[in-house]
Amino acid sequence: MGINSENDISANLQIGPTTLGMVRIYLAGDGIDLPLDFDPDEAEEIAEELRAAAQAARKLAQSGKDKKR
């Protein structure tokens, strides 16, 4: 399975600070229990990557709409 493959897997995502000063991304679902801890600088880098991916996805979605017109 790749990043561009669709699937029917569902999971819950929680993001928040830990008592040790880390940022935790917690993913839980059927057979999945995955806590991922990052220092604040790493968390900010991940946030920047998410923003860039969201911007690229918007451009792709918009270009797809433009082609359908």
C-alpha atoms as a PDB file:
ATOM      1  CA  MET A   1       0.000   0.000   0.000  1.00  0.00           C
ATOM      2  CA  GLY A   2       1.367   3.383  -0.957  1.00  0.00           C
ATOM      3  CA  ILE A   3       0.531   6.939  -0.029  1.00  0.00           C
ATOM      4  CA  ASN A   4      -1.758   7.272  -3.049  1.00  0.00           C
ATOM      5  CA  SER A   5      -3.623   3.956  -2.552  1.00  0.00           C
ATOM      6  CA  GLU A   6      -7.192   4.084  -1.268  1.00  0.00           C
ATOM      7  CA  ASN A   7      -8.330   1.712   1.480  1.00  0.00           C
ATOM      8  CA  ASP A   8     -11.180   1.115   3.914  1.00  0.00           C
ATOM      9  CA  ILE A   9      -9.079   1.245   7.078  1.00  0.00           C
ATOM     10  CA  SER A  10     -10.317   3.678   9.714  1.00  0.00           C
ATOM     11  CA  ALA A  11      -8.408   4.978  12.700  1.00  0.00           C
ATOM     12  CA  ASN A  12      -8.567   7.713  15.313  1.00  0.00           C
ATOM     13  CA  LEU A  13      -5.870  10.366  15.447  1.00  0.00           C
ATOM     14  CA  GLN A  14      -5.005  12.416  18.527  1.00  0.00           C
ATOM     15  CA  ILE A  15      -2.296  15.043  18.787  1.00  0.00           C
ATOM     16  CA  GLY A  16      -1.116  16.726  21.972  1.00  0.00           C
ATOM     17  CA  PRO A  17       1.732  17.471  24.360  1.00  0.00           C
ATOM     18  CA  THR A  18       3.108  14.892  26.782  1.00  0.00           C
ATOM     19  CA  THR A  19       4.181  15.555  30.361  1.00  0.00           C
ATOM     20  CA  LEU A  20       7.793  15.071  29.195  1.00  0.00           C
ATOM     21  CA  GLY A  21       7.654  18.039  26.810  1.00  0.00           C
ATOM     22  CA  MET A  22       7.193  15.990  23.651  1.00  0.00           C
ATOM     23  CA  VAL A  23       4.443  16.206  21.045  1.00  0.00           C
ATOM     24  CA  ARG A  24       2.586  12.916  20.652  1.00  0.00           C
ATOM     25  CA  ILE A  25       0.713  11.815  17.564  1.00  0.00           C
ATOM     26  CA  TYR A  26      -1.403   8.881  18.680  1.00  0.00           C
ATOM     27  CA  LEU A  27      -2.997   6.611  16.095  1.00  0.00           C
ATOM     28  CA  ALA A  28      -5.503   3.976  17.220  1.00  0.00           C
ATOM     29  CA  GLY A  29      -7.735   1.680  15.234  1.00  0.00           C
ATOM     30  CA  ASP A  30      -8.548  -1.950  14.582  1.00  0.00           C
ATOM     31  CA  GLY A  31      -5.313  -3.721  15.489  1.00  0.00           C
ATOM     32  CA  ILE A  32      -3.392  -0.423  15.623  1.00  0.00           C
ATOM     33  CA  ASP A  33      -2.106   1.304  18.753  1.00  0.00           C
ATOM     34  CA  LEU A  34       0.721   3.594  17.719  1.00  0.00           C
ATOM     35  CA  PRO A  35       2.052   6.446  19.860  1.00  0.00           C
ATOM     36  CA  LEU A  36       4.623   8.579  18.028  1.00  0.00           C
ATOM     37  CA  ASP A  37       6.589  11.128  20.094  1.00  0.00           C
ATOM     38  CA  PHE A  38       8.466  14.075  18.594  1.00  0.00           C
ATOM     39  CA  ASP A  39      10.417  16.914  20.102  1.00  0.00           C
ATOM     40  CA  PRO A  40       8.793  20.322  19.479  1.00  0.00           C
ATOM     41  CA  ASP A  41      11.166  21.198  16.609  1.00  0.00           C
ATOM     42  CA  GLU A  42      10.376  17.929  14.820  1.00  0.00           C
ATOM     43  CA  ALA A  43       6.662  18.524  15.399  1.00  0.00           C
ATOM     44  CA  GLU A  44       6.919  21.951  13.768  1.00  0.00           C
ATOM     45  CA  GLU A  45       8.703  20.410  10.773  1.00  0.00           C
ATOM     46  CA  ILE A  46       5.888  17.863  10.470  1.00  0.00           C
ATOM     47  CA  ALA A  47       3.326  20.676  10.669  1.00  0.00           C
ATOM     48  CA  GLU A  48       5.114  22.502   7.830  1.00  0.00           C
ATOM     49  CA  GLU A  49       5.103  19.309   5.743  1.00  0.00           C
ATOM     50  CA  LEU A  50       1.371  18.874   6.404  1.00  0.00           C
ATOM     51  CA  ARG A  51       0.688  22.453   5.318  1.00  0.00           C
ATOM     52  CA  ALA A  52       2.751  21.999   2.145  1.00  0.00           C
ATOM     53  CA  ALA A  53       0.947  18.728   1.352  1.00  0.00           C
ATOM     54  CA  ALA A  54      -2.442  20.388   1.909  1.00  0.00           C
ATOM     55  CA  GLN A  55      -1.486  23.227  -0.430  1.00  0.00           C
ATOM     56  CA  ALA A  56      -0.308  20.765  -3.106  1.00  0.00           C
ATOM     57  CA  ALA A  57      -3.511  18.720  -2.710  1.00  0.00           C
ATOM     58  CA  ARG A  58      -5.621  21.863  -3.191  1.00  0.00           C
ATOM     59  CA  LYS A  59      -3.741  22.667  -6.386  1.00  0.00           C
ATOM     60  CA  LEU A  60      -4.230  19.119  -7.680  1.00  0.00           C
ATOM     61  CA  ALA A  61      -7.934  19.188  -6.823  1.00  0.00           C
ATOM     62  CA  GLN A  62      -8.351  22.554  -8.496  1.00  0.00           C
ATOM     63  CA  SER A  63      -6.517  21.455 -11.654  1.00  0.00           C
ATOM     64  CA  GLY A  64      -8.773  18.385 -11.781  1.00  0.00           C
ATOM     65  CA  LYS A  65     -11.857  20.644 -11.569  1.00  0.00           C
ATOM     66  CA  ASP A  66     -10.449  22.919 -14.291  1.00  0.00           C
ATOM     67  CA  LYS A  67      -9.942  19.949 -16.636  1.00  0.00           C
ATOM     68  CA  LYS A  68     -13.560  18.809 -16.153  1.00  0.00           C
ATOM     69  CA  ARG A  69     -14.942  22.188 -17.258  1.00  0.00           C
END
